[in-house]
Amino acid sequence: MYQYFNGLIIREGTEGVPADQVEELFKDAGWVRNTPDWQKEKFTLIFKNSTWAFTVWDEDEMIGMVRVISDQIMAANIMDLIVSSKYRGKGIGQKLVEICVQKLPHGDWFAHTSANNFSFYERCGFEVKDLSENGTCSYYGYVKARKSGHRRA
């Protein structure tokens, strides 16, 4: 599946995600420095072992990504949401979260992140339950469904 967003392409899929471009995004985010060659396959395997994944492309450059681990019924966890520093502030991250939540709109969504990302997740409709240095932001789809009249209990 492909979607277009502000001149970019968002691709859904856990197969064929290029490890070198994932590593570049991780470096840009400050999550890795120098990955030994024998460990580089992890950048492909993390996608193969995910439930859902979305990558954002500007022509041949992957400029954003998100992975989701889920039981596909009740709960899902947003993993590794990254947007290249050159593209931040353009709504790409929020679009990725929106697409994720659409996969399980009445389920419980969680994003374990650092405190500096809490306001981002709040703008995406998540609640911050733990105000310590790191915590889990949550989005309860069943509560939202009840409030909007789509579910009674």
Protein backbone atom coordinates (compact mmCIF):
# COMPACT_ATOMS: atom_id res chain seq x y z
CA MET A 1 0.00 0.00 0.00
CA TYR A 2 1.18 3.49 -0.82
CA GLN A 3 -0.12 6.86 0.33
CA TYR A 4 0.94 10.31 -0.70
CA PHE A 5 1.56 13.02 1.87
CA ASN A 6 2.85 16.49 0.98
CA GLY A 7 4.82 15.23 -2.01
CA LEU A 8 6.22 12.23 -0.13
CA ILE A 9 5.33 8.55 -0.44
CA ILE A 10 4.36 6.50 2.61
CA ARG A 11 4.80 2.79 2.05
CA GLU A 12 3.29 0.07 4.24
CA GLY A 13 5.20 -3.17 4.66
CA THR A 14 7.67 -5.10 6.75
CA GLU A 15 9.60 -6.65 3.85
CA GLY A 16 12.32 -5.08 1.74
CA VAL A 17 13.16 -2.17 4.05
CA PRO A 18 16.81 -1.28 3.32
CA ALA A 19 18.97 -1.79 6.41
CA ASP A 20 21.45 0.95 5.43
CA GLN A 21 18.71 3.60 5.30
CA VAL A 22 17.24 2.43 8.63
CA GLU A 23 20.69 2.72 10.17
CA GLU A 24 21.06 6.26 8.78
CA LEU A 25 17.78 7.29 10.42
CA PHE A 26 18.91 5.72 13.71
CA LYS A 27 22.18 7.67 13.47
CA ASP A 28 20.31 10.89 12.71
CA ALA A 29 18.15 10.31 15.80
CA GLY A 30 21.26 9.65 17.92
CA TRP A 31 20.23 6.06 18.67
CA VAL A 32 23.36 4.40 17.21
CA ARG A 33 26.88 5.45 16.33
CA ASN A 34 29.01 2.76 14.75
CA THR A 35 27.27 -0.55 14.16
CA PRO A 36 29.62 -3.51 13.63
CA ASP A 37 29.11 -5.25 10.29
CA TRP A 38 28.00 -8.48 11.96
CA GLN A 39 25.17 -6.59 13.67
CA LYS A 40 23.79 -4.64 10.69
CA GLU A 41 21.21 -7.32 9.86
CA LYS A 42 19.23 -6.20 12.91
CA PHE A 43 18.05 -3.16 10.91
CA THR A 44 16.24 -5.54 8.54
CA LEU A 45 15.13 -8.08 11.15
CA ILE A 46 13.36 -5.48 13.30
CA PHE A 47 10.96 -4.93 10.41
CA LYS A 48 10.47 -8.62 9.60
CA ASN A 49 9.49 -9.19 13.24
CA SER A 50 7.07 -6.26 13.39
CA THR A 51 3.32 -6.46 12.91
CA TRP A 52 3.02 -3.30 10.82
CA ALA A 53 5.54 -0.84 9.47
CA PHE A 54 5.43 2.35 7.47
CA THR A 55 8.32 4.08 5.75
CA VAL A 56 8.34 7.59 4.28
CA TRP A 57 10.20 8.30 1.07
CA ASP A 58 11.38 11.41 -0.72
CA GLU A 59 12.24 9.84 -4.06
CA ASP A 60 14.93 7.22 -3.21
CA GLU A 61 15.68 8.48 0.30
CA MET A 62 13.86 7.00 3.29
CA ILE A 63 13.22 10.01 5.51
CA GLY A 64 10.92 8.50 8.14
CA MET A 65 9.71 5.25 9.61
CA VAL A 66 7.63 3.64 12.31
CA ARG A 67 7.23 0.06 13.42
CA VAL A 68 4.32 -1.46 15.36
CA ILE A 69 4.20 -4.58 17.52
CA SER A 70 0.61 -5.73 18.09
CA ASP A 71 -1.71 -8.65 18.80
CA GLN A 72 -3.93 -7.05 16.10
CA ILE A 73 -6.99 -7.36 18.37
CA MET A 74 -6.63 -5.33 21.55
CA ALA A 75 -3.27 -3.61 21.87
CA ALA A 76 -0.37 -2.18 19.89
CA ASN A 77 2.98 -0.57 20.67
CA ILE A 78 4.57 2.09 18.51
CA MET A 79 8.25 1.35 18.10
CA ASP A 80 11.07 3.39 16.58
CA LEU A 81 9.15 6.37 15.23
CA ILE A 82 11.80 8.47 13.46
CA VAL A 83 11.68 11.37 11.04
CA SER A 84 14.92 12.69 9.56
CA SER A 85 16.02 15.93 11.21
CA LYS A 86 15.83 17.68 7.81
CA TYR A 87 12.10 16.88 7.59
CA ARG A 88 10.89 17.42 11.15
CA GLY A 89 8.11 19.88 11.85
CA LYS A 90 6.23 19.08 8.64
CA GLY A 91 3.55 16.80 10.16
CA ILE A 92 5.19 13.56 8.99
CA GLY A 93 5.44 12.02 12.46
CA GLN A 94 1.83 12.88 13.24
CA LYS A 95 0.75 11.36 9.93
CA LEU A 96 2.62 8.15 10.76
CA VAL A 97 0.91 7.91 14.17
CA GLU A 98 -2.48 8.58 12.53
CA ILE A 99 -1.90 5.77 10.00
CA CYS A 100 -0.83 3.42 12.80
CA VAL A 101 -3.91 4.10 14.93
CA GLN A 102 -6.15 3.50 11.89
CA LYS A 103 -4.92 -0.12 11.87
CA LEU A 104 -6.53 -0.73 15.29
CA PRO A 105 -8.77 2.27 15.93
CA HIS A 106 -10.59 0.88 18.97
CA GLY A 107 -7.55 -0.78 20.49
CA ASP A 108 -5.13 0.38 23.14
CA TRP A 109 -1.99 2.05 21.76
CA PHE A 110 1.22 2.63 23.66
CA ALA A 111 4.42 4.48 22.88
CA HIS A 112 7.33 4.16 25.29
CA THR A 113 9.41 7.27 24.78
CA SER A 114 11.49 9.93 26.49
CA ALA A 115 9.93 12.92 28.20
CA ASN A 116 10.92 15.32 25.40
CA ASN A 117 8.47 13.48 23.09
CA PHE A 118 5.46 13.59 25.44
CA SER A 119 4.01 16.77 23.90
CA PHE A 120 4.26 15.22 20.41
CA TYR A 121 2.24 12.20 21.48
CA GLU A 122 -0.27 14.39 23.31
CA ARG A 123 -0.85 16.29 20.03
CA CYS A 124 -1.52 12.88 18.45
CA GLY A 125 -4.26 12.14 21.00
CA PHE A 126 -2.23 10.08 23.46
CA GLU A 127 -2.29 10.57 27.23
CA VAL A 128 0.89 10.75 29.26
CA LYS A 129 0.52 8.57 32.35
CA ASP A 130 4.06 8.75 33.70
CA LEU A 131 5.69 12.15 33.95
CA SER A 132 9.12 10.84 34.92
CA GLU A 133 12.12 11.09 32.61
CA ASN A 134 10.81 8.22 30.46
CA GLY A 135 7.31 6.85 30.32
CA THR A 136 4.52 5.39 28.33
CA CYS A 137 2.07 7.46 26.36
CA SER A 138 -1.24 5.72 25.74
CA TYR A 139 -4.18 6.07 23.38
CA TYR A 140 -7.31 4.17 24.39
CA GLY A 141 -9.36 3.67 21.25
CA TYR A 142 -12.27 2.11 23.12
CA VAL A 143 -12.59 5.21 25.32
CA LYS A 144 -12.54 7.45 22.26
CA ALA A 145 -15.13 5.20 20.57
CA ARG A 146 -17.40 5.41 23.63
CA LYS A 147 -17.10 9.21 23.81
CA SER A 148 -17.90 9.57 20.11
CA GLY A 149 -20.92 7.23 20.38
CA HIS A 150 -19.45 4.27 18.47
CA ARG A 151 -19.40 2.00 21.51
CA ARG A 152 -21.60 1.78 24.60
CA ALA A 153 -19.48 -0.01 27.17
